[in-house]
C-alpha cells in the first residue's frame, strides 16, 4: 500500500535485481521513470549469480501521467550477457495506463536463447498507451514460456507483440 510519485525524476519505483519468493502488491505508481527508463516495476538481474524467482506482482496501479515518455509499466529483462535466472513470475490484476507509456508489460529474454520461463500475465487492465504507433499492451521477445490470459487491453495501438521467431 505504498504511494510512489516520481515526477519522472527516477529510473524505477521498485527494482528487483536478486530476489526469491517476493510480492509487490497494492501499490500506486504515478509518473515513475525518466524518459527511456524501464518505469514503475523493473525485474532485471545483472550477473549470473543473481536470480529472480517466484515473484508475484498484483493489484498495483501504474499511471504514467501525461509527460514525458516512459518505456514500460512492468519490465522483466534478461539480456543473457551473464545468464542469470528469471522464472515463475506472476503479473496479475494490475491497472496500467498512461498515454506516455510505450508498453504495458514487457518480457525481454536473451538475444539467442530464451532466458526467462514461467511467466503468467493475467487479469490486468492495460489501456490508453499512446507513446507512439508501436505502443503495445504486452510485448515479448525471447520470453520463453509465457502465458497471457484474461487481460483487458484497450485504447492501445498493438494488443500483443511477440518477436524474434514468434508471430506478431
N, C-alpha and C. Protein backbone atom coordinates (compact mmCIF):
# COMPACT_ATOMS: atom_id res chain seq x y z
N UNK A 1 0.82 -1.21 0.00
CA UNK A 1 0.00 0.00 0.00
C UNK A 1 0.86 1.26 0.00
N UNK A 2 1.91 1.24 -0.79
CA UNK A 2 2.79 2.41 -0.91
C UNK A 2 2.30 3.33 -2.01
N UNK A 3 2.61 4.60 -1.89
CA UNK A 3 2.34 5.60 -2.92
C UNK A 3 3.69 6.05 -3.47
N UNK A 4 3.96 5.74 -4.73
CA UNK A 4 5.19 6.15 -5.38
C UNK A 4 4.87 7.30 -6.34
N UNK A 5 5.47 8.45 -6.13
CA UNK A 5 5.28 9.57 -7.04
C UNK A 5 6.67 10.04 -7.45
N UNK A 6 6.95 9.94 -8.74
CA UNK A 6 8.31 10.20 -9.20
C UNK A 6 8.54 11.49 -9.93
N UNK A 7 7.51 12.12 -10.44
CA UNK A 7 7.67 13.33 -11.26
C UNK A 7 8.71 13.12 -12.35
N UNK A 8 8.85 11.87 -12.81
CA UNK A 8 9.77 11.49 -13.89
C UNK A 8 11.22 11.87 -13.62
N UNK A 9 11.62 11.77 -12.35
CA UNK A 9 13.00 12.08 -11.97
C UNK A 9 13.80 10.83 -11.61
N UNK A 10 13.18 9.66 -11.65
CA UNK A 10 13.82 8.43 -11.19
C UNK A 10 13.85 7.37 -12.28
N UNK A 11 14.65 6.34 -12.06
CA UNK A 11 14.73 5.22 -13.01
C UNK A 11 13.52 4.30 -12.86
N UNK A 12 13.19 3.92 -11.62
CA UNK A 12 12.12 2.97 -11.33
C UNK A 12 11.47 3.31 -9.99
N UNK A 13 10.33 2.65 -9.75
CA UNK A 13 9.73 2.70 -8.42
C UNK A 13 10.26 1.55 -7.58
N UNK A 14 10.17 0.32 -8.13
CA UNK A 14 10.70 -0.87 -7.47
C UNK A 14 11.57 -1.60 -8.48
N UNK A 15 12.79 -1.93 -8.07
CA UNK A 15 13.70 -2.72 -8.92
C UNK A 15 14.11 -3.97 -8.16
N UNK A 16 13.92 -5.13 -8.79
CA UNK A 16 14.42 -6.37 -8.22
C UNK A 16 15.62 -6.80 -9.04
N UNK A 17 16.74 -6.97 -8.38
CA UNK A 17 17.98 -7.39 -9.03
C UNK A 17 18.26 -8.86 -8.69
N UNK A 18 18.01 -9.23 -7.44
CA UNK A 18 18.17 -10.61 -6.98
C UNK A 18 17.12 -10.83 -5.90
N UNK A 19 16.13 -11.69 -6.19
CA UNK A 19 15.03 -11.88 -5.24
C UNK A 19 14.39 -13.24 -5.43
N UNK A 20 13.82 -13.74 -4.35
CA UNK A 20 13.13 -15.03 -4.36
C UNK A 20 11.92 -14.93 -3.44
N UNK A 21 10.81 -15.55 -3.86
CA UNK A 21 9.60 -15.62 -3.03
C UNK A 21 9.16 -14.24 -2.53
N UNK A 22 9.02 -13.28 -3.46
CA UNK A 22 8.69 -11.91 -3.11
C UNK A 22 7.38 -11.48 -3.74
N UNK A 23 6.73 -10.46 -3.13
CA UNK A 23 5.47 -9.92 -3.62
C UNK A 23 5.57 -8.40 -3.72
N UNK A 24 5.03 -7.87 -4.81
CA UNK A 24 4.86 -6.43 -4.99
C UNK A 24 3.37 -6.25 -5.24
N UNK A 25 2.64 -5.68 -4.28
CA UNK A 25 1.19 -5.63 -4.43
C UNK A 25 0.57 -4.42 -3.73
N UNK A 26 -0.59 -4.03 -4.25
CA UNK A 26 -1.42 -2.95 -3.70
C UNK A 26 -0.70 -1.61 -3.59
N UNK A 27 0.14 -1.31 -4.57
CA UNK A 27 0.86 -0.03 -4.60
C UNK A 27 0.31 0.86 -5.71
N UNK A 28 0.52 2.15 -5.57
CA UNK A 28 0.19 3.12 -6.62
C UNK A 28 1.47 3.78 -7.09
N UNK A 29 1.71 3.68 -8.39
CA UNK A 29 2.89 4.28 -9.01
C UNK A 29 2.42 5.39 -9.95
N UNK A 30 2.87 6.62 -9.70
CA UNK A 30 2.47 7.74 -10.54
C UNK A 30 3.71 8.46 -11.06
N UNK A 31 3.80 8.59 -12.38
CA UNK A 31 4.91 9.28 -13.06
C UNK A 31 6.27 8.71 -12.66
N UNK A 32 6.36 7.38 -12.63
CA UNK A 32 7.62 6.74 -12.28
C UNK A 32 8.45 6.51 -13.54
N UNK A 33 9.70 6.87 -13.51
CA UNK A 33 10.64 6.64 -14.60
C UNK A 33 10.92 7.87 -15.43
N UNK A 34 12.17 8.05 -15.74
CA UNK A 34 12.60 9.10 -16.67
C UNK A 34 12.37 8.61 -18.09
N UNK A 35 12.44 9.51 -19.07
CA UNK A 35 12.31 9.06 -20.46
C UNK A 35 13.34 7.97 -20.78
N UNK A 36 12.89 6.96 -21.49
CA UNK A 36 13.73 5.84 -21.91
C UNK A 36 14.27 5.00 -20.76
N UNK A 37 13.63 5.06 -19.61
CA UNK A 37 13.98 4.20 -18.48
C UNK A 37 12.86 3.17 -18.30
N UNK A 38 13.15 2.07 -17.61
CA UNK A 38 12.18 0.98 -17.52
C UNK A 38 10.80 1.36 -17.00
N UNK A 39 10.67 2.17 -15.97
CA UNK A 39 9.35 2.55 -15.48
C UNK A 39 9.08 2.12 -14.06
N UNK A 40 7.82 1.84 -13.74
CA UNK A 40 7.40 1.63 -12.35
C UNK A 40 8.04 0.40 -11.69
N UNK A 41 7.93 -0.77 -12.32
CA UNK A 41 8.43 -2.01 -11.73
C UNK A 41 9.40 -2.67 -12.71
N UNK A 42 10.61 -2.96 -12.23
CA UNK A 42 11.69 -3.47 -13.08
C UNK A 42 12.30 -4.71 -12.45
N UNK A 43 12.25 -5.85 -13.15
CA UNK A 43 12.90 -7.08 -12.71
C UNK A 43 14.07 -7.31 -13.64
N UNK A 44 15.29 -7.12 -13.16
CA UNK A 44 16.44 -7.08 -14.06
C UNK A 44 17.74 -7.47 -13.35
N UNK A 45 18.06 -8.77 -13.29
CA UNK A 45 19.33 -9.18 -12.68
C UNK A 45 20.52 -8.74 -13.54
N UNK A 46 21.65 -8.53 -12.88
CA UNK A 46 22.84 -8.05 -13.58
C UNK A 46 23.89 -9.13 -13.84
N UNK A 47 23.99 -10.13 -12.94
CA UNK A 47 25.07 -11.11 -13.04
C UNK A 47 24.55 -12.53 -12.93
N UNK A 48 25.35 -13.51 -13.34
CA UNK A 48 24.93 -14.91 -13.34
C UNK A 48 24.64 -15.42 -11.93
N UNK A 49 25.19 -14.80 -10.93
CA UNK A 49 24.93 -15.22 -9.55
C UNK A 49 23.61 -14.69 -9.02
N UNK A 50 22.97 -13.80 -9.76
CA UNK A 50 21.70 -13.21 -9.33
C UNK A 50 20.54 -13.95 -9.99
N UNK A 51 19.40 -13.90 -9.37
CA UNK A 51 18.22 -14.61 -9.85
C UNK A 51 16.97 -13.84 -9.44
N UNK A 52 15.92 -14.08 -10.18
CA UNK A 52 14.59 -13.57 -9.82
C UNK A 52 13.64 -14.75 -10.01
N UNK A 53 13.11 -15.24 -8.91
CA UNK A 53 12.26 -16.42 -8.98
C UNK A 53 11.12 -16.36 -7.97
N UNK A 54 9.97 -16.89 -8.38
CA UNK A 54 8.78 -16.94 -7.54
C UNK A 54 8.37 -15.55 -7.07
N UNK A 55 8.08 -14.68 -8.02
CA UNK A 55 7.70 -13.29 -7.74
C UNK A 55 6.24 -13.09 -8.13
N UNK A 56 5.47 -12.45 -7.28
CA UNK A 56 4.08 -12.10 -7.57
C UNK A 56 3.95 -10.58 -7.60
N UNK A 57 3.41 -10.08 -8.71
CA UNK A 57 3.14 -8.65 -8.87
C UNK A 57 1.65 -8.53 -9.11
N UNK A 58 0.90 -7.98 -8.14
CA UNK A 58 -0.55 -7.96 -8.30
C UNK A 58 -1.20 -6.76 -7.60
N UNK A 59 -2.37 -6.40 -8.14
CA UNK A 59 -3.22 -5.35 -7.58
C UNK A 59 -2.52 -4.00 -7.43
N UNK A 60 -1.61 -3.70 -8.34
CA UNK A 60 -0.94 -2.40 -8.37
C UNK A 60 -1.61 -1.51 -9.42
N UNK A 61 -1.47 -0.20 -9.26
CA UNK A 61 -1.89 0.76 -10.28
C UNK A 61 -0.65 1.51 -10.75
N UNK A 62 -0.41 1.46 -12.06
CA UNK A 62 0.69 2.18 -12.68
C UNK A 62 0.07 3.23 -13.58
N UNK A 63 0.29 4.49 -13.29
CA UNK A 63 -0.21 5.61 -14.10
C UNK A 63 0.99 6.45 -14.49
N UNK A 64 1.31 6.44 -15.79
CA UNK A 64 2.50 7.14 -16.27
C UNK A 64 2.31 8.65 -16.32
N UNK A 65 1.09 9.11 -16.17
CA UNK A 65 0.85 10.54 -16.32
C UNK A 65 0.87 10.92 -17.80
N UNK A 66 1.01 12.19 -18.08
CA UNK A 66 0.92 12.65 -19.47
C UNK A 66 2.25 13.02 -20.09
N UNK A 67 3.27 13.33 -19.33
CA UNK A 67 4.59 13.63 -19.88
C UNK A 67 5.65 13.23 -18.87
N UNK A 68 6.88 12.97 -19.24
CA UNK A 68 7.36 12.64 -20.57
C UNK A 68 7.18 11.16 -20.86
N UNK A 69 7.73 10.70 -21.96
CA UNK A 69 7.56 9.31 -22.37
C UNK A 69 8.38 8.36 -21.48
N UNK A 70 7.76 7.21 -21.17
CA UNK A 70 8.38 6.18 -20.34
C UNK A 70 8.24 4.86 -21.07
N UNK A 71 9.23 3.98 -20.93
CA UNK A 71 9.23 2.73 -21.69
C UNK A 71 8.12 1.76 -21.28
N UNK A 72 7.97 1.47 -19.97
CA UNK A 72 7.03 0.41 -19.60
C UNK A 72 6.44 0.62 -18.22
N UNK A 73 5.32 -0.08 -18.00
CA UNK A 73 4.74 -0.13 -16.66
C UNK A 73 5.46 -1.18 -15.83
N UNK A 74 5.58 -2.40 -16.39
CA UNK A 74 6.28 -3.50 -15.73
C UNK A 74 7.24 -4.12 -16.75
N UNK A 75 8.50 -4.24 -16.37
CA UNK A 75 9.54 -4.78 -17.26
C UNK A 75 10.24 -5.96 -16.61
N UNK A 76 10.34 -7.06 -17.37
CA UNK A 76 11.18 -8.20 -16.99
C UNK A 76 12.26 -8.28 -18.05
N UNK A 77 13.52 -8.16 -17.64
CA UNK A 77 14.59 -8.06 -18.62
C UNK A 77 15.76 -8.96 -18.25
N UNK A 78 16.21 -9.75 -19.22
CA UNK A 78 17.38 -10.60 -19.06
C UNK A 78 18.14 -10.54 -20.37
N UNK A 79 19.25 -9.86 -20.39
CA UNK A 79 19.99 -9.69 -21.66
C UNK A 79 20.86 -10.88 -22.00
N UNK A 80 20.89 -11.88 -21.13
CA UNK A 80 21.65 -13.12 -21.37
C UNK A 80 23.16 -12.92 -21.34
N UNK A 81 23.61 -11.73 -21.05
CA UNK A 81 25.05 -11.48 -21.03
C UNK A 81 25.76 -12.33 -19.99
N UNK A 82 25.10 -12.55 -18.87
CA UNK A 82 25.69 -13.33 -17.80
C UNK A 82 24.83 -14.53 -17.42
N UNK A 83 23.78 -14.80 -18.19
CA UNK A 83 22.87 -15.93 -17.99
C UNK A 83 22.26 -16.01 -16.59
N UNK A 84 21.71 -14.91 -16.07
CA UNK A 84 21.02 -15.02 -14.79
C UNK A 84 19.71 -15.77 -14.97
N UNK A 85 19.12 -16.18 -13.89
CA UNK A 85 17.89 -16.97 -13.92
C UNK A 85 16.68 -16.10 -13.58
N UNK A 86 15.67 -16.13 -14.46
CA UNK A 86 14.39 -15.47 -14.20
C UNK A 86 13.30 -16.49 -14.47
N UNK A 87 12.51 -16.83 -13.44
CA UNK A 87 11.43 -17.79 -13.65
C UNK A 87 10.35 -17.66 -12.59
N UNK A 88 9.17 -18.16 -12.97
CA UNK A 88 7.99 -18.18 -12.12
C UNK A 88 7.60 -16.78 -11.63
N UNK A 89 7.22 -15.95 -12.60
CA UNK A 89 6.79 -14.58 -12.31
C UNK A 89 5.31 -14.48 -12.65
N UNK A 90 4.51 -13.96 -11.73
CA UNK A 90 3.08 -13.79 -11.94
C UNK A 90 2.73 -12.31 -11.89
N UNK A 91 2.14 -11.81 -13.00
CA UNK A 91 1.72 -10.41 -13.09
C UNK A 91 0.20 -10.44 -13.27
N UNK A 92 -0.54 -10.16 -12.20
CA UNK A 92 -2.00 -10.32 -12.24
C UNK A 92 -2.74 -9.15 -11.60
N UNK A 93 -3.89 -8.85 -12.19
CA UNK A 93 -4.85 -7.89 -11.64
C UNK A 93 -4.27 -6.50 -11.38
N UNK A 94 -3.39 -6.05 -12.27
CA UNK A 94 -2.83 -4.70 -12.18
C UNK A 94 -3.56 -3.79 -13.16
N UNK A 95 -3.57 -2.49 -12.88
CA UNK A 95 -4.06 -1.49 -13.81
C UNK A 95 -2.84 -0.70 -14.29
N UNK A 96 -2.66 -0.68 -15.62
CA UNK A 96 -1.51 0.01 -16.21
C UNK A 96 -2.04 0.95 -17.27
N UNK A 97 -1.74 2.26 -17.12
CA UNK A 97 -2.30 3.23 -18.03
C UNK A 97 -1.39 4.45 -18.17
N UNK A 98 -1.64 5.19 -19.22
CA UNK A 98 -0.93 6.45 -19.41
C UNK A 98 -0.53 6.65 -20.85
N UNK A 99 -0.92 7.78 -21.44
CA UNK A 99 -0.63 8.00 -22.85
C UNK A 99 0.85 8.10 -23.17
N UNK A 100 1.71 8.20 -22.17
CA UNK A 100 3.14 8.29 -22.44
C UNK A 100 3.87 6.98 -22.18
N UNK A 101 3.13 5.89 -21.97
CA UNK A 101 3.75 4.56 -21.84
C UNK A 101 3.87 3.92 -23.21
N UNK A 102 5.03 3.32 -23.48
CA UNK A 102 5.19 2.58 -24.73
C UNK A 102 4.64 1.16 -24.60
N UNK A 103 4.92 0.50 -23.49
CA UNK A 103 4.47 -0.87 -23.26
C UNK A 103 3.82 -0.99 -21.89
N UNK A 104 2.74 -1.76 -21.82
CA UNK A 104 2.15 -2.05 -20.51
C UNK A 104 3.03 -3.02 -19.74
N UNK A 105 3.23 -4.22 -20.31
CA UNK A 105 4.10 -5.24 -19.72
C UNK A 105 5.09 -5.67 -20.79
N UNK A 106 6.36 -5.73 -20.42
CA UNK A 106 7.43 -6.14 -21.34
C UNK A 106 8.17 -7.33 -20.75
N UNK A 107 8.38 -8.36 -21.58
CA UNK A 107 9.22 -9.50 -21.21
C UNK A 107 10.31 -9.59 -22.27
N UNK A 108 11.56 -9.38 -21.89
CA UNK A 108 12.69 -9.42 -22.82
C UNK A 108 13.71 -10.44 -22.34
N UNK A 109 13.84 -11.52 -23.11
CA UNK A 109 14.84 -12.54 -22.81
C UNK A 109 16.14 -12.21 -23.50
N UNK A 110 17.03 -13.20 -23.52
CA UNK A 110 18.32 -13.01 -24.17
C UNK A 110 18.18 -12.91 -25.67
N UNK A 111 19.25 -12.57 -26.33
CA UNK A 111 19.22 -12.36 -27.77
C UNK A 111 19.13 -13.65 -28.57
N UNK A 112 19.55 -14.77 -28.00
CA UNK A 112 19.54 -16.01 -28.76
C UNK A 112 18.68 -17.10 -28.14
N UNK A 113 18.80 -17.33 -26.86
CA UNK A 113 18.07 -18.39 -26.19
C UNK A 113 17.16 -17.78 -25.14
N UNK A 114 15.90 -18.18 -25.09
CA UNK A 114 15.06 -17.64 -24.03
C UNK A 114 15.69 -17.87 -22.66
N UNK A 115 15.85 -16.81 -21.91
CA UNK A 115 16.48 -16.87 -20.60
C UNK A 115 15.46 -16.61 -19.50
N UNK A 116 14.19 -16.69 -19.87
CA UNK A 116 13.09 -16.41 -18.95
C UNK A 116 12.08 -17.53 -19.12
N UNK A 117 11.49 -17.99 -18.01
CA UNK A 117 10.47 -19.03 -18.12
C UNK A 117 9.42 -18.88 -17.03
N UNK A 118 8.26 -19.46 -17.30
CA UNK A 118 7.20 -19.49 -16.30
C UNK A 118 6.60 -18.14 -15.98
N UNK A 119 6.33 -17.33 -17.01
CA UNK A 119 5.74 -16.01 -16.80
C UNK A 119 4.24 -16.10 -17.04
N UNK A 120 3.43 -15.58 -16.12
CA UNK A 120 1.99 -15.50 -16.26
C UNK A 120 1.56 -14.05 -16.23
N UNK A 121 0.84 -13.62 -17.27
CA UNK A 121 0.31 -12.26 -17.35
C UNK A 121 -1.20 -12.41 -17.49
N UNK A 122 -1.95 -12.12 -16.42
CA UNK A 122 -3.37 -12.44 -16.41
C UNK A 122 -4.19 -11.44 -15.60
N UNK A 123 -5.39 -11.13 -16.12
CA UNK A 123 -6.33 -10.31 -15.38
C UNK A 123 -5.95 -8.85 -15.23
N UNK A 124 -5.05 -8.37 -16.07
CA UNK A 124 -4.62 -6.97 -15.99
C UNK A 124 -5.49 -6.08 -16.86
N UNK A 125 -5.62 -4.82 -16.47
CA UNK A 125 -6.34 -3.81 -17.24
C UNK A 125 -5.28 -2.84 -17.78
N UNK A 126 -5.01 -2.94 -19.08
CA UNK A 126 -3.96 -2.13 -19.72
C UNK A 126 -4.64 -1.24 -20.74
N UNK A 127 -4.54 0.08 -20.56
CA UNK A 127 -5.24 0.96 -21.51
C UNK A 127 -4.58 2.34 -21.63
N UNK A 128 -4.96 2.99 -22.72
CA UNK A 128 -4.55 4.37 -23.03
C UNK A 128 -3.04 4.51 -23.21
N UNK A 129 -2.42 3.55 -23.92
CA UNK A 129 -0.99 3.64 -24.21
C UNK A 129 -0.83 4.25 -25.59
N UNK A 130 -0.23 5.43 -25.66
CA UNK A 130 -0.14 6.15 -26.93
C UNK A 130 1.23 6.78 -27.15
N UNK A 131 2.26 6.15 -26.62
CA UNK A 131 3.64 6.64 -26.75
C UNK A 131 3.99 6.90 -28.21
N UNK A 132 3.69 5.91 -29.06
CA UNK A 132 3.91 6.03 -30.50
C UNK A 132 3.07 4.98 -31.22
N UNK A 133 3.27 4.83 -32.50
CA UNK A 133 2.45 3.88 -33.26
C UNK A 133 2.77 2.42 -32.92
N UNK A 134 3.83 2.17 -32.17
CA UNK A 134 4.17 0.82 -31.75
C UNK A 134 3.79 0.54 -30.31
N UNK A 135 3.06 1.42 -29.67
CA UNK A 135 2.65 1.18 -28.28
C UNK A 135 1.92 -0.16 -28.19
N UNK A 136 2.30 -0.95 -27.20
CA UNK A 136 1.86 -2.34 -27.11
C UNK A 136 1.40 -2.68 -25.70
N UNK A 137 0.27 -3.38 -25.58
CA UNK A 137 -0.22 -3.81 -24.28
C UNK A 137 0.74 -4.78 -23.61
N UNK A 138 1.10 -5.86 -24.32
CA UNK A 138 2.04 -6.86 -23.82
C UNK A 138 3.06 -7.12 -24.93
N UNK A 139 4.34 -6.95 -24.64
CA UNK A 139 5.41 -7.16 -25.63
C UNK A 139 6.38 -8.21 -25.10
N UNK A 140 6.65 -9.22 -25.94
CA UNK A 140 7.52 -10.33 -25.54
C UNK A 140 8.57 -10.55 -26.62
N UNK A 141 9.82 -10.65 -26.22
CA UNK A 141 10.90 -11.01 -27.14
C UNK A 141 11.78 -12.04 -26.44
N UNK A 142 11.91 -13.22 -27.05
CA UNK A 142 12.67 -14.31 -26.44
C UNK A 142 12.25 -14.54 -25.00
N UNK A 143 10.95 -14.59 -24.79
CA UNK A 143 10.42 -14.69 -23.44
C UNK A 143 10.30 -16.09 -22.89
N UNK A 144 10.60 -17.09 -23.67
CA UNK A 144 10.45 -18.46 -23.17
C UNK A 144 8.99 -18.79 -23.01
N UNK A 145 8.63 -19.43 -21.92
CA UNK A 145 7.26 -19.85 -21.67
C UNK A 145 6.51 -18.71 -20.99
N UNK A 146 5.56 -18.14 -21.73
CA UNK A 146 4.76 -17.02 -21.22
C UNK A 146 3.29 -17.33 -21.46
N UNK A 147 2.46 -17.17 -20.43
CA UNK A 147 1.02 -17.36 -20.55
C UNK A 147 0.36 -15.99 -20.43
N UNK A 148 -0.43 -15.62 -21.46
CA UNK A 148 -1.13 -14.34 -21.48
C UNK A 148 -2.63 -14.67 -21.55
N UNK A 149 -3.38 -14.40 -20.47
CA UNK A 149 -4.80 -14.75 -20.46
C UNK A 149 -5.62 -13.70 -19.71
N UNK A 150 -6.87 -13.53 -20.15
CA UNK A 150 -7.89 -12.77 -19.44
C UNK A 150 -7.51 -11.33 -19.09
N UNK A 151 -6.72 -10.70 -19.93
CA UNK A 151 -6.39 -9.29 -19.73
C UNK A 151 -7.38 -8.42 -20.50
N UNK A 152 -7.60 -7.20 -20.03
CA UNK A 152 -8.37 -6.22 -20.78
C UNK A 152 -7.36 -5.21 -21.31
N UNK A 153 -7.23 -5.17 -22.63
CA UNK A 153 -6.28 -4.26 -23.28
C UNK A 153 -7.08 -3.38 -24.22
N UNK A 154 -7.11 -2.08 -23.92
CA UNK A 154 -7.99 -1.17 -24.64
C UNK A 154 -7.27 0.14 -24.94
N UNK A 155 -7.60 0.73 -26.08
CA UNK A 155 -7.03 2.02 -26.50
C UNK A 155 -5.50 1.95 -26.57
N UNK A 156 -5.03 0.88 -27.23
CA UNK A 156 -3.61 0.62 -27.42
C UNK A 156 -3.41 0.30 -28.89
N UNK A 157 -2.32 0.76 -29.50
CA UNK A 157 -2.09 0.54 -30.93
C UNK A 157 -1.95 -0.95 -31.26
N UNK A 158 -1.12 -1.67 -30.50
CA UNK A 158 -0.89 -3.10 -30.75
C UNK A 158 -1.24 -3.84 -29.46
N UNK A 159 -2.12 -4.83 -29.55
CA UNK A 159 -2.54 -5.57 -28.36
C UNK A 159 -1.40 -6.41 -27.80
N UNK A 160 -0.80 -7.22 -28.66
CA UNK A 160 0.25 -8.13 -28.23
C UNK A 160 1.32 -8.17 -29.30
N UNK A 161 2.55 -8.10 -28.90
CA UNK A 161 3.66 -8.14 -29.85
C UNK A 161 4.63 -9.20 -29.37
N UNK A 162 4.86 -10.20 -30.19
CA UNK A 162 5.82 -11.25 -29.86
C UNK A 162 6.79 -11.32 -31.01
N UNK A 163 8.07 -11.09 -30.73
CA UNK A 163 9.06 -11.01 -31.81
C UNK A 163 10.17 -12.04 -31.62
N UNK A 164 11.07 -12.05 -32.55
CA UNK A 164 12.20 -12.99 -32.59
C UNK A 164 11.72 -14.43 -32.77
N UNK A 165 11.06 -14.66 -33.90
CA UNK A 165 10.66 -16.02 -34.24
C UNK A 165 9.21 -16.35 -33.95
N UNK A 166 8.48 -15.46 -33.28
CA UNK A 166 7.09 -15.73 -33.00
C UNK A 166 6.22 -14.76 -33.78
N UNK A 167 4.94 -15.04 -33.85
CA UNK A 167 4.05 -14.18 -34.64
C UNK A 167 3.83 -12.86 -33.94
N UNK A 168 3.45 -11.87 -34.75
CA UNK A 168 3.22 -10.54 -34.20
C UNK A 168 1.76 -10.18 -34.37
